[in-house]
Protein backbone atom coordinates (compact mmCIF):
# COMPACT_ATOMS: atom_id res chain seq x y z
CA MET A 1 -225.45 4.16 35.98
CA LYS A 2 -226.93 3.34 32.63
CA ILE A 3 -224.91 1.23 30.20
CA THR A 4 -225.98 1.18 26.61
CA LYS A 5 -226.00 -1.90 24.43
CA ARG A 6 -223.25 -0.31 22.38
CA LYS A 7 -221.01 0.07 25.44
CA ILE A 8 -221.71 -3.51 26.51
CA ARG A 9 -220.77 -4.79 23.05
CA ARG A 10 -217.56 -2.75 23.10
CA ILE A 11 -216.63 -4.02 26.57
CA ILE A 12 -217.32 -7.62 25.53
CA LYS A 13 -215.25 -7.17 22.38
CA GLU A 14 -212.32 -5.71 24.35
CA GLU A 15 -212.44 -8.45 26.98
CA ARG A 16 -212.65 -11.15 24.32
CA ALA A 17 -209.60 -9.68 22.58
CA LYS A 18 -207.68 -9.67 25.88
CA LEU A 19 -208.57 -13.29 26.56
CA LEU A 20 -207.52 -14.37 23.08
CA LEU A 21 -204.15 -12.65 23.50
CA GLU A 22 -203.62 -14.29 26.89
CA MET A 23 -204.35 -17.67 25.38
CA ASP A 24 -201.99 -17.19 22.44
CA PRO A 25 -198.61 -15.64 23.35
CA MET A 26 -197.48 -15.94 19.71
CA ALA A 27 -200.37 -13.75 18.56
CA ASP A 28 -199.51 -11.23 21.26
CA ALA A 29 -195.85 -11.22 20.23
CA ASN A 30 -196.79 -10.80 16.56
CA ARG A 31 -199.06 -7.92 17.45
CA SER A 32 -196.32 -6.25 19.51
CA LEU A 33 -193.68 -6.78 16.85
CA GLY A 34 -195.88 -5.57 14.03
CA GLY A 35 -197.41 -2.69 15.93
CA PHE A 36 -194.55 -1.27 17.94
CA ALA A 37 -191.19 -2.37 16.52
CA ASN A 38 -189.59 -0.46 13.70
CA ILE A 39 -189.66 -2.69 10.61
CA SER A 40 -186.11 -1.68 9.69
CA SER A 41 -184.91 -2.88 13.11
CA VAL A 42 -186.65 -6.21 12.59
CA ASP A 43 -185.13 -6.51 9.12
CA ALA A 44 -181.67 -5.63 10.47
CA LEU A 45 -181.99 -8.28 13.17
CA THR A 46 -183.07 -10.88 10.63
CA ASP A 47 -180.18 -9.96 8.33
CA SER A 48 -177.71 -10.14 11.23
CA ILE A 49 -178.88 -13.59 12.31
CA LEU A 50 -178.76 -14.84 8.73
CA ASN A 51 -175.22 -13.45 8.39
CA ILE A 52 -174.11 -15.24 11.56
CA LEU A 53 -175.62 -18.49 10.31
CA GLN A 54 -173.92 -18.19 6.92
CA GLU A 55 -170.52 -17.05 8.25
CA VAL A 56 -170.29 -19.79 10.87
CA GLU A 57 -171.59 -22.51 8.58
CA MET A 58 -169.14 -21.62 5.82
CA GLY A 59 -166.27 -21.05 8.26
CA VAL A 60 -166.53 -24.31 10.15
CA GLY A 61 -167.27 -26.19 6.95
CA GLU A 62 -164.04 -24.99 5.38
CA GLU A 63 -161.75 -25.00 8.41
CA GLU A 64 -162.97 -28.11 10.19
CA GLY A 65 -164.12 -30.06 7.14
CA LEU A 66 -167.51 -30.81 8.62
CA GLU A 67 -170.47 -32.30 6.82
CA PRO A 68 -173.16 -29.75 5.88
CA ASP A 69 -175.56 -30.87 8.64
CA GLU A 70 -172.81 -30.61 11.29
CA ALA A 71 -171.81 -27.16 10.06
CA GLU A 72 -175.46 -26.10 10.10
CA GLU A 73 -175.81 -27.23 13.71
CA LYS A 74 -172.73 -25.25 14.77
CA ALA A 75 -174.11 -22.19 12.96
CA ARG A 76 -177.48 -22.65 14.66
CA ASN A 77 -175.84 -22.85 18.08
CA ALA A 78 -173.74 -19.75 17.40
CA ALA A 79 -176.82 -17.75 16.38
CA ILE A 80 -178.74 -18.91 19.46
CA LEU A 81 -175.79 -17.94 21.66
CA ALA A 82 -175.59 -14.49 20.04
CA VAL A 83 -179.30 -13.87 20.65
CA SER A 84 -179.04 -15.16 24.23
CA GLN A 85 -176.15 -12.75 24.85
CA ALA A 86 -178.33 -9.87 23.64
CA PHE A 87 -181.01 -10.85 26.15
CA GLU A 88 -178.35 -11.09 28.85
CA SER A 89 -177.22 -7.56 28.01
CA ALA A 90 -180.82 -6.43 28.48
CA GLY A 91 -180.92 -8.13 31.88
CA LEU A 92 -183.40 -10.79 30.78
CA MET A 93 -181.59 -13.74 32.28
CA ASP A 94 -184.59 -16.08 32.18
CA VAL A 95 -184.78 -15.67 28.40
CA LYS A 96 -181.01 -16.13 28.10
CA PHE A 97 -181.17 -19.43 30.00
CA ALA A 98 -184.22 -20.63 28.05
CA LEU A 99 -182.42 -19.97 24.77
CA GLN A 100 -179.25 -21.68 25.94
CA LYS A 101 -181.27 -24.82 26.67
CA LEU A 102 -181.79 -25.03 22.89
CA LEU A 103 -178.06 -25.49 22.33
CA ARG A 104 -177.08 -28.99 21.24
C-alpha cells in the first residue's frame, strides 16, 4: 500500500491534535461546548447560575444580616449544589460528588 506524503502529513496532524486534546481537558471541553452545544442553552445556563447567585446572596444578606463575603459564600455553595443536582439527575454521580467537595 502506497502512502503519499500528503496522507502522512494529514495523519500526523490528526494524531497531534488528538494528543493535544488528551493533554488539555479544558481545551477539549471548550471545543465540545463551542462546537456542539447550542449557544442559547449555554447563555441560559449562565443566566440561571447568575440568578441563583444574586437571589441567594441578596436573600441571606437581608434575612440573616450577613456580611457581603459570607453572603457570597452561601450563594456560591447554593449554585454549586444546584449544578451538582443537575449532574445527579443525569446520572453522573462522580461529577456530583466532585462538585459537592467544593462546598465550604
